[in-house]
Protein backbone atom coordinates (compact mmCIF):
# COMPACT_ATOMS: atom_id res chain seq x y z
CA MET A 1 -27.70 -29.28 -76.68
CA THR A 2 -29.43 -30.91 -79.63
CA GLY A 3 -28.04 -34.24 -80.80
CA TYR A 4 -27.64 -35.15 -84.47
CA PHE A 5 -27.51 -38.87 -85.15
CA THR A 6 -26.55 -40.42 -88.47
CA HIS A 7 -24.24 -43.05 -89.96
CA ALA A 8 -22.44 -43.70 -93.24
CA ASP A 9 -24.43 -46.94 -93.66
CA CYS A 10 -27.57 -44.84 -94.19
CA TRP A 11 -26.08 -43.57 -97.47
CA LYS A 12 -25.44 -47.09 -98.78
CA HIS A 13 -29.07 -48.22 -98.97
CA GLU A 14 -30.56 -47.37 -102.37
CA MET A 15 -33.48 -48.66 -104.41
CA GLY A 16 -32.30 -48.03 -107.96
CA ALA A 17 -31.55 -45.13 -110.29
CA GLY A 18 -34.13 -42.36 -110.18
CA HIS A 19 -35.82 -43.53 -106.98
CA PRO A 20 -36.97 -40.53 -104.92
CA GLU A 21 -35.89 -42.06 -101.60
CA CYS A 22 -32.21 -41.69 -102.43
CA PRO A 23 -28.92 -41.14 -100.58
CA GLU A 24 -28.77 -37.59 -101.93
CA ARG A 25 -31.50 -36.69 -99.44
CA LEU A 26 -28.96 -36.93 -96.62
CA ASP A 27 -26.42 -34.96 -98.67
CA ALA A 28 -28.96 -32.16 -99.06
CA ILE A 29 -29.46 -31.99 -95.30
CA GLU A 30 -25.73 -32.09 -94.52
CA ASP A 31 -25.01 -29.40 -97.12
CA ARG A 32 -27.70 -27.10 -95.76
CA LEU A 33 -26.58 -27.48 -92.15
CA LEU A 34 -22.99 -26.78 -93.16
CA MET A 35 -23.90 -23.79 -95.32
CA SER A 36 -26.13 -22.28 -92.63
CA GLY A 37 -23.55 -22.73 -89.87
CA LEU A 38 -26.05 -24.76 -87.86
CA SER A 39 -23.92 -27.91 -88.00
CA VAL A 40 -21.45 -26.56 -85.40
CA ALA A 41 -24.27 -26.04 -82.90
CA LEU A 42 -25.14 -29.77 -82.85
CA ASP A 43 -23.72 -32.69 -80.89
CA ARG A 44 -22.99 -35.10 -83.75
CA ARG A 45 -23.16 -38.78 -82.83
CA GLU A 46 -22.81 -42.00 -84.77
CA ALA A 47 -25.85 -44.26 -84.88
CA PRO A 48 -25.25 -47.72 -83.41
CA ILE A 49 -26.71 -51.00 -84.62
CA ALA A 50 -30.12 -51.56 -83.04
CA PRO A 51 -30.46 -54.83 -81.08
CA LEU A 52 -33.03 -57.11 -82.69
CA ALA A 53 -34.74 -57.55 -79.32
CA ASP A 54 -35.51 -53.83 -79.28
CA ILE A 55 -36.73 -53.82 -82.89
CA GLU A 56 -39.10 -56.62 -81.87
CA LEU A 57 -40.77 -54.29 -79.38
CA ALA A 58 -42.64 -52.94 -82.42
CA HIS A 59 -42.29 -55.73 -84.99
CA GLY A 60 -43.02 -59.43 -85.13
CA ARG A 61 -40.07 -61.78 -84.95
CA MET A 62 -40.98 -63.33 -88.30
CA HIS A 63 -40.97 -59.90 -89.97
CA VAL A 64 -37.46 -59.21 -88.70
CA ALA A 65 -36.26 -62.68 -89.66
CA SER A 66 -37.76 -62.48 -93.14
CA LEU A 67 -36.01 -59.18 -93.90
CA ARG A 68 -32.73 -60.59 -92.66
CA GLY A 69 -33.23 -63.72 -94.76
CA LEU A 70 -34.10 -61.66 -97.83
CA SER A 71 -30.89 -59.67 -97.38
CA GLU A 72 -28.74 -62.77 -97.01
CA GLY A 73 -30.41 -64.40 -100.00
CA LEU A 74 -29.78 -61.30 -102.12
CA LYS A 75 -26.05 -61.44 -101.33
CA GLU A 76 -25.96 -65.05 -102.53
CA GLU A 77 -27.80 -64.14 -105.73
CA ILE A 78 -25.40 -61.28 -106.46
CA GLU A 79 -22.41 -63.57 -105.98
CA ALA A 80 -23.99 -65.89 -108.53
CA GLY A 81 -24.45 -63.03 -111.01
CA GLY A 82 -28.08 -62.34 -110.14
CA PRO A 83 -29.98 -59.06 -109.64
CA THR A 84 -28.69 -56.31 -107.35
CA HIS A 85 -32.06 -55.62 -105.71
CA ALA A 86 -34.87 -57.69 -104.20
CA GLN A 87 -38.37 -56.25 -104.60
CA ILE A 88 -40.79 -55.99 -101.67
CA ASP A 89 -43.52 -53.97 -103.36
CA PRO A 90 -43.66 -51.84 -106.54
CA ASP A 91 -42.05 -48.89 -104.72
CA THR A 92 -39.80 -50.67 -102.23
CA SER A 93 -36.74 -52.86 -102.64
CA ILE A 94 -33.57 -53.76 -100.80
CA ASN A 95 -29.94 -53.82 -101.85
CA VAL A 96 -27.05 -55.49 -100.01
CA SER A 97 -26.74 -52.52 -97.63
CA THR A 98 -30.41 -52.13 -96.68
CA TRP A 99 -30.28 -54.46 -93.67
CA ASP A 100 -27.37 -52.59 -92.05
CA ALA A 101 -28.86 -49.19 -92.91
CA SER A 102 -32.18 -50.21 -91.35
CA LEU A 103 -30.43 -51.33 -88.17
CA ARG A 104 -28.55 -48.02 -88.02
CA ALA A 105 -31.73 -45.99 -88.59
CA ALA A 106 -33.51 -47.76 -85.73
CA GLY A 107 -30.32 -47.62 -83.68
CA ALA A 108 -30.15 -43.85 -84.08
CA ALA A 109 -33.66 -43.49 -82.66
CA LEU A 110 -32.80 -45.76 -79.72
CA ALA A 111 -29.48 -44.05 -78.95
CA ALA A 112 -31.15 -40.64 -79.18
CA THR A 113 -33.82 -41.82 -76.75
CA ASP A 114 -31.18 -43.03 -74.31
CA ALA A 115 -29.22 -39.78 -74.49
CA VAL A 116 -32.25 -37.50 -74.12
CA ILE A 117 -33.71 -39.46 -71.20
CA ALA A 118 -30.28 -39.50 -69.52
CA GLY A 119 -30.13 -35.71 -69.83
CA GLU A 120 -27.01 -35.79 -72.02
CA LEU A 121 -28.96 -34.03 -74.77
CA ALA A 122 -31.94 -31.68 -74.60
CA ASN A 123 -33.43 -33.26 -77.72
CA ALA A 124 -32.23 -34.95 -80.90
CA PHE A 125 -32.72 -35.24 -84.65
CA CYS A 126 -31.92 -38.47 -86.48
CA ALA A 127 -30.82 -37.91 -90.11
CA VAL A 128 -31.38 -41.48 -91.18
CA ARG A 129 -32.73 -43.58 -93.98
CA PRO A 130 -34.54 -45.76 -94.77
CA PRO A 131 -37.51 -43.99 -93.23
CA GLY A 132 -39.95 -45.93 -91.08
CA HIS A 133 -43.51 -44.71 -90.60
CA HIS A 134 -45.12 -46.94 -93.27
CA ALA A 135 -43.58 -50.13 -91.79
CA GLU A 136 -46.30 -52.08 -90.00
CA HIS A 137 -45.88 -54.69 -87.28
CA ASP A 138 -45.46 -57.48 -89.82
CA ARG A 139 -45.02 -55.67 -93.15
CA ALA A 140 -42.42 -53.57 -94.94
CA MET A 141 -43.85 -51.09 -97.45
CA GLY A 142 -43.69 -47.54 -98.77
CA PHE A 143 -39.86 -47.23 -98.69
CA CYS A 144 -39.90 -48.41 -95.03
CA PHE A 145 -38.61 -51.59 -93.38
CA PHE A 146 -38.48 -50.97 -89.61
CA ASN A 147 -40.61 -48.30 -87.93
CA ASN A 148 -37.92 -46.21 -86.26
CA ILE A 149 -40.24 -43.93 -84.31
CA ALA A 150 -42.58 -46.68 -83.10
CA ILE A 151 -39.57 -48.73 -81.98
CA ALA A 152 -38.18 -45.75 -80.03
CA ALA A 153 -41.55 -44.98 -78.43
CA LYS A 154 -42.01 -48.58 -77.31
CA TYR A 155 -38.40 -48.62 -76.10
CA ALA A 156 -38.97 -45.54 -73.92
CA LEU A 157 -41.95 -47.27 -72.33
CA GLU A 158 -40.55 -50.79 -71.97
CA ARG A 159 -36.84 -50.17 -71.30
CA HIS A 160 -36.93 -46.79 -69.56
CA GLY A 161 -40.21 -47.14 -67.71
CA LEU A 162 -41.95 -44.03 -69.01
CA LYS A 163 -45.71 -44.10 -68.56
CA ARG A 164 -46.91 -41.87 -71.43
CA VAL A 165 -45.30 -40.85 -74.73
CA ALA A 166 -46.65 -39.01 -77.75
CA ILE A 167 -45.89 -39.61 -81.43
CA VAL A 168 -46.32 -36.68 -83.83
CA ASP A 169 -46.30 -37.32 -87.58
CA PHE A 170 -46.33 -34.40 -90.04
CA ASP A 171 -45.39 -36.30 -93.20
CA VAL A 172 -47.67 -35.74 -96.21
CA HIS A 173 -48.48 -39.47 -96.19
CA HIS A 174 -50.38 -41.15 -93.40
CA GLY A 175 -48.17 -43.06 -90.96
CA ASN A 176 -50.15 -46.25 -91.40
CA GLY A 177 -47.34 -48.37 -90.00
CA THR A 178 -47.13 -46.36 -86.80
CA GLU A 179 -50.91 -46.45 -86.43
CA ASN A 180 -50.87 -50.22 -87.02
CA ILE A 181 -48.32 -50.67 -84.21
CA VAL A 182 -49.65 -48.25 -81.58
CA ALA A 183 -53.44 -48.17 -82.09
CA GLY A 184 -55.19 -49.06 -78.86
CA ASP A 185 -52.12 -48.64 -76.63
CA PRO A 186 -53.23 -46.15 -73.96
CA ARG A 187 -49.61 -45.30 -73.12
CA ILE A 188 -49.11 -43.74 -76.57
CA LEU A 189 -50.95 -40.79 -78.10
CA MET A 190 -50.43 -40.45 -81.86
CA VAL A 191 -51.31 -37.18 -83.58
CA SER A 192 -50.88 -36.49 -87.28
CA PHE A 193 -52.15 -34.74 -90.36
CA TYR A 194 -51.81 -36.11 -93.87
CA GLN A 195 -53.10 -35.58 -97.39
CA HIS A 196 -56.19 -37.68 -98.14
CA PRO A 197 -57.09 -39.50 -100.30
CA PHE A 198 -53.49 -40.45 -100.91
CA TYR A 199 -50.98 -43.24 -100.35
CA PRO A 200 -51.54 -45.74 -98.78
CA LEU A 201 -54.99 -45.93 -100.33
CA ASP A 202 -55.75 -49.50 -99.20
CA TYR A 203 -55.10 -48.89 -95.49
CA VAL A 204 -58.11 -49.38 -93.20
CA HIS A 205 -57.88 -46.67 -90.55
CA SER A 206 -58.36 -47.46 -86.88
CA ASN A 207 -60.85 -45.63 -84.68
CA ALA A 208 -58.77 -46.23 -81.54
CA ALA A 209 -59.11 -43.58 -78.85
CA ASN A 210 -55.37 -42.87 -78.72
CA LEU A 211 -55.25 -41.56 -82.30
CA VAL A 212 -55.79 -37.97 -83.44
CA ASN A 213 -55.19 -38.33 -87.18
CA LEU A 214 -56.39 -35.49 -89.41
CA PRO A 215 -56.90 -36.15 -93.13
CA VAL A 216 -56.72 -32.97 -95.22
CA PRO A 217 -57.36 -32.42 -98.92
CA ALA A 218 -54.71 -31.69 -101.52
CA TYR A 219 -53.54 -28.07 -101.70
CA THR A 220 -54.10 -27.45 -97.99
CA LYS A 221 -51.81 -24.60 -96.94
CA GLY A 222 -49.80 -23.95 -93.81
CA MET A 223 -52.21 -21.60 -92.06
CA ASP A 224 -55.00 -24.17 -92.34
CA VAL A 225 -52.72 -26.84 -90.90
CA ARG A 226 -51.75 -24.54 -88.03
CA GLU A 227 -55.42 -24.00 -87.19
CA LEU A 228 -56.05 -27.75 -87.17
CA ILE A 229 -53.06 -28.30 -84.90
CA GLU A 230 -54.25 -25.67 -82.42
CA THR A 231 -57.79 -27.05 -82.49
CA TYR A 232 -57.14 -30.79 -82.36
CA TRP A 233 -53.53 -31.70 -81.56
CA ILE A 234 -52.61 -29.29 -78.82
CA PRO A 235 -55.61 -29.86 -76.51
CA ARG A 236 -55.13 -33.63 -76.69
CA LEU A 237 -51.38 -33.37 -76.13
CA GLU A 238 -51.88 -31.06 -73.17
CA ALA A 239 -54.48 -33.34 -71.61
CA PHE A 240 -52.32 -36.42 -72.21
CA ALA A 241 -49.21 -34.77 -70.68
CA PRO A 242 -46.64 -36.98 -72.41
CA GLU A 243 -43.34 -37.64 -70.67
CA MET A 244 -41.55 -37.61 -74.04
CA LEU A 245 -42.38 -36.67 -77.65
CA PHE A 246 -41.33 -38.59 -80.74
CA ILE A 247 -41.60 -36.89 -84.14
CA SER A 248 -41.94 -38.60 -87.52
CA ALA A 249 -40.46 -35.66 -89.38
CA GLY A 250 -41.51 -35.90 -93.00
CA PHE A 251 -41.05 -32.76 -95.08
CA ASP A 252 -42.92 -33.81 -98.23
CA ALA A 253 -45.93 -31.62 -97.40
CA HIS A 254 -43.74 -28.72 -98.57
CA ARG A 255 -45.24 -26.85 -101.52
CA GLU A 256 -42.14 -27.60 -103.68
CA ASP A 257 -42.32 -31.37 -103.12
CA ASP A 258 -44.01 -33.16 -106.01
CA MET A 259 -44.51 -36.35 -103.98
CA GLY A 260 -47.49 -34.58 -102.42
CA GLN A 261 -49.83 -31.71 -103.17
CA MET A 262 -49.85 -29.72 -99.94
CA GLY A 263 -48.66 -26.16 -99.40
CA LEU A 264 -46.40 -25.97 -96.35
CA VAL A 265 -43.18 -23.92 -96.26
CA GLU A 266 -40.19 -23.76 -93.93
CA ASN A 267 -41.87 -21.32 -91.54
CA ASP A 268 -44.71 -23.79 -91.04
CA TYR A 269 -42.29 -26.52 -89.98
CA ALA A 270 -40.60 -24.08 -87.60
CA TRP A 271 -43.99 -23.13 -86.14
CA ILE A 272 -45.05 -26.77 -85.69
CA THR A 273 -41.73 -27.58 -84.03
CA GLN A 274 -42.10 -24.62 -81.66
CA ARG A 275 -45.59 -25.68 -80.59
CA LEU A 276 -44.29 -29.19 -79.90
CA MET A 277 -41.36 -27.73 -77.96
CA ASP A 278 -43.86 -25.79 -75.85
CA VAL A 279 -45.72 -29.00 -74.98
CA ALA A 280 -42.48 -30.85 -74.29
CA ARG A 281 -41.22 -28.13 -71.94
CA ARG A 282 -44.46 -28.14 -69.96
CA HIS A 283 -44.86 -31.89 -69.60
CA ALA A 284 -41.78 -33.80 -70.77
CA LYS A 285 -38.72 -31.90 -69.48
CA GLY A 286 -38.27 -30.75 -73.09
CA ARG A 287 -37.55 -34.31 -74.24
CA ILE A 288 -38.01 -34.79 -78.01
CA VAL A 289 -36.55 -37.29 -80.47
CA SER A 290 -37.23 -36.53 -84.13
CA CYS A 291 -36.52 -38.90 -87.02
CA LEU A 292 -36.45 -38.12 -90.72
CA GLU A 293 -39.28 -39.60 -92.76
CA GLY A 294 -40.18 -38.17 -96.19
CA GLY A 295 -39.04 -35.10 -98.12
CA TYR A 296 -37.97 -35.54 -101.73
CA SER A 297 -37.41 -32.07 -103.18
CA LEU A 298 -33.77 -31.80 -102.15
CA SER A 299 -33.57 -28.04 -101.75
CA ALA A 300 -36.87 -27.82 -99.85
CA LEU A 301 -35.84 -30.78 -97.69
CA GLY A 302 -32.56 -29.17 -96.67
CA ARG A 303 -34.22 -25.83 -95.87
CA SER A 304 -37.07 -27.47 -93.95
CA VAL A 305 -34.79 -29.66 -91.85
CA GLU A 306 -32.70 -26.60 -91.06
CA ALA A 307 -35.84 -24.76 -89.88
CA HIS A 308 -36.88 -27.77 -87.77
CA ILE A 309 -33.47 -28.25 -86.15
CA ARG A 310 -32.96 -24.52 -85.60
CA VAL A 311 -36.02 -24.48 -83.34
CA LEU A 312 -34.98 -27.69 -81.56
CA ALA A 313 -31.51 -26.23 -80.93
CA ASP A 314 -32.93 -22.79 -80.04
CA VAL A 315 -30.45 -20.95 -82.27
């Protein structure tokens, strides 16, 4: 069965009125799963709090401590009549609930990893926010604070003793944070496509051998992406033979999402998921953990997540 991990705390983090990375994103997913009948086919589980020691598998201790300190300082400022948010960069801020939401988001990825490796679940999707793939080892940015997928991948290696894991990122934005954390680690193969040039424009890309990152121009459509995946991703994944796959599932490459300019539709996400399922069945006992990243057109997000989960759940 496919697991579905989330927590009420993930709704409480918000970055101000009108911000695209909003709690309504999770509502859109829940509504679509309920409307489609898919919700009853999932094993729903509550995300736990991630232990800081596990978060520090992917992040520096000072990064974790600084975010915690910023959260505690914000609470004191609010009590004194100060602002309700603390700014990290022009696009990214915290409120009093961000720390707990971030721990739940990472905790979902860890709990999903535990359950899938134990054989309790065939695979899992984590409907969590804040997202994670822009969070670097020592830097929060781009709506992201802790890198949920990188933490889970490192956790599978360090705590469960796996030898090889793959990270797949199909968000419209480059997963610079994930690349920053895993580049050069031969135990991890990262494959992605992303619109380029695009955010984050100032990131200096690595040429590490364990990365298969494919920049594509604006207005690239689904069939072109499928061809790139067959040509570049699949041969490397097959040769690497990962023991588990981790997916940074961003749905903002959808043609209706104005946060990007790519042309994917729901069927493309279903196709990508099926190709990853094929690899996982051959090499990884079907083990996949997928975590929500981007996706800001609420209707397209709900439909795309449904398509993704429907393939994972084989229904």
